[in-house]
Protein backbone atom coordinates (compact mmCIF):
# COMPACT_ATOMS: atom_id res chain seq x y z
CA MET A 1 -11.10 -8.01 -7.80
CA SER A 2 -8.64 -10.11 -9.60
CA ASP A 3 -5.65 -8.37 -8.09
CA THR A 4 -6.36 -9.34 -4.96
CA LEU A 5 -5.01 -12.79 -3.37
CA ILE A 6 -6.02 -14.71 -0.14
CA HIS A 7 -3.22 -15.87 1.71
CA GLU A 8 -3.07 -17.34 5.33
CA ASP A 9 -1.31 -15.88 8.37
CA THR A 10 -1.10 -16.40 12.10
CA ASP A 11 -3.08 -13.71 13.93
CA THR A 12 -4.06 -12.70 17.59
CA LYS A 13 -7.63 -12.72 17.09
CA GLN A 14 -9.51 -15.29 18.88
CA ILE A 15 -11.90 -17.82 16.70
CA SER A 16 -13.12 -21.15 16.83
CA THR A 17 -12.24 -23.61 14.40
CA GLU A 18 -12.81 -27.62 14.37
CA ASP A 19 -9.25 -28.58 13.91
CA GLY A 20 -7.54 -26.48 16.72
CA ASP A 21 -5.82 -23.57 14.60
CA HIS A 22 -8.02 -20.95 16.12
CA GLU A 23 -5.31 -17.98 15.56
CA ARG A 24 -5.15 -18.32 11.81
CA PHE A 25 -6.78 -16.26 9.16
CA ALA A 26 -6.37 -16.04 5.33
CA HIS A 27 -5.45 -12.73 4.59
CA TYR A 28 -5.69 -10.78 1.10
CA VAL A 29 -2.82 -9.59 -0.54
CA PHE A 30 -3.77 -6.38 -2.63
CA GLY A 31 -1.88 -5.53 -5.86
CA LYS A 32 -1.44 -5.84 -9.70
CA ASP A 33 0.92 -8.44 -9.07
CA ALA A 34 -0.13 -10.14 -5.83
CA LYS A 35 -0.16 -13.95 -7.24
CA ALA A 36 3.56 -13.56 -8.07
CA LYS A 37 4.72 -11.76 -4.63
CA VAL A 38 2.76 -14.44 -2.66
CA THR A 39 4.76 -17.07 -4.74
CA GLU A 40 7.86 -15.26 -4.28
CA ALA A 41 7.38 -14.86 -0.76
CA MET A 42 6.58 -18.65 -0.12
CA VAL A 43 9.80 -19.65 -2.51
CA LEU A 44 12.14 -17.06 -0.81
CA GLY A 45 10.52 -16.98 2.39
CA THR A 46 10.49 -13.14 2.68
CA PRO A 47 7.36 -11.53 4.08
CA VAL A 48 4.31 -10.29 2.50
CA LYS A 49 1.70 -7.05 3.30
CA ALA A 50 -1.81 -7.87 3.74
CA LEU A 51 -4.65 -5.34 3.41
CA CYS A 52 -4.99 -4.88 7.18
CA GLY A 53 -1.47 -4.12 7.33
CA LYS A 54 -0.62 -7.78 8.83
CA GLN A 55 3.23 -8.82 7.36
CA TRP A 56 4.03 -12.36 7.49
CA VAL A 57 5.62 -15.09 5.50
CA PRO A 58 3.28 -17.24 3.51
CA SER A 59 3.40 -21.07 3.99
CA ARG A 60 0.04 -22.84 4.19
CA ASP A 61 -3.22 -23.28 2.25
CA ALA A 62 -5.43 -20.22 2.92
CA SER A 63 -8.59 -21.99 2.33
CA LYS A 64 -8.41 -23.85 5.38
CA TYR A 65 -8.63 -20.84 7.50
CA PRO A 66 -11.42 -17.72 7.87
CA VAL A 67 -10.86 -14.41 5.64
CA CYS A 68 -9.34 -11.59 8.19
CA PRO A 69 -12.45 -9.28 8.86
CA ASP A 70 -10.10 -6.07 8.32
CA CYS A 71 -8.92 -7.27 5.26
CA GLU A 72 -12.45 -8.44 3.95
CA ARG A 73 -13.70 -4.69 5.11
CA ILE A 74 -10.75 -3.07 3.68
CA LYS A 75 -11.41 -5.19 0.38
CA ASN A 76 -14.95 -4.35 0.05
CA ARG A 77 -14.19 -0.74 0.61
CA LEU A 78 -11.80 -0.69 -2.47
CA GLN A 79 -14.41 -2.66 -4.23
CA GLY A 80 -16.88 0.32 -3.81
CA LYS A 81 -19.17 -2.27 -1.45
CA ARG A 82 -21.05 -1.38 1.53
CA GLY A 83 -20.16 -2.89 5.12
CA ASP A 84 -20.42 -2.72 8.64
């Protein structure tokens, strides 16, 4: 899905990571201009909305965090994949 971008967020779900950031997830931002939305949000400090509905201001490298399970399920449904 080329119009989906992953970006980090702080979420209340508990996970375990070695670096101590147990509340951080990477979220999918969907849309034709998702990359531009995230870039603008990082520069201007404005929030973006993830597929799961979470709103946040992107500020960190999403590759360091696990993907939000809700965003992953929604993305898979949008792509026509079966999931749990």
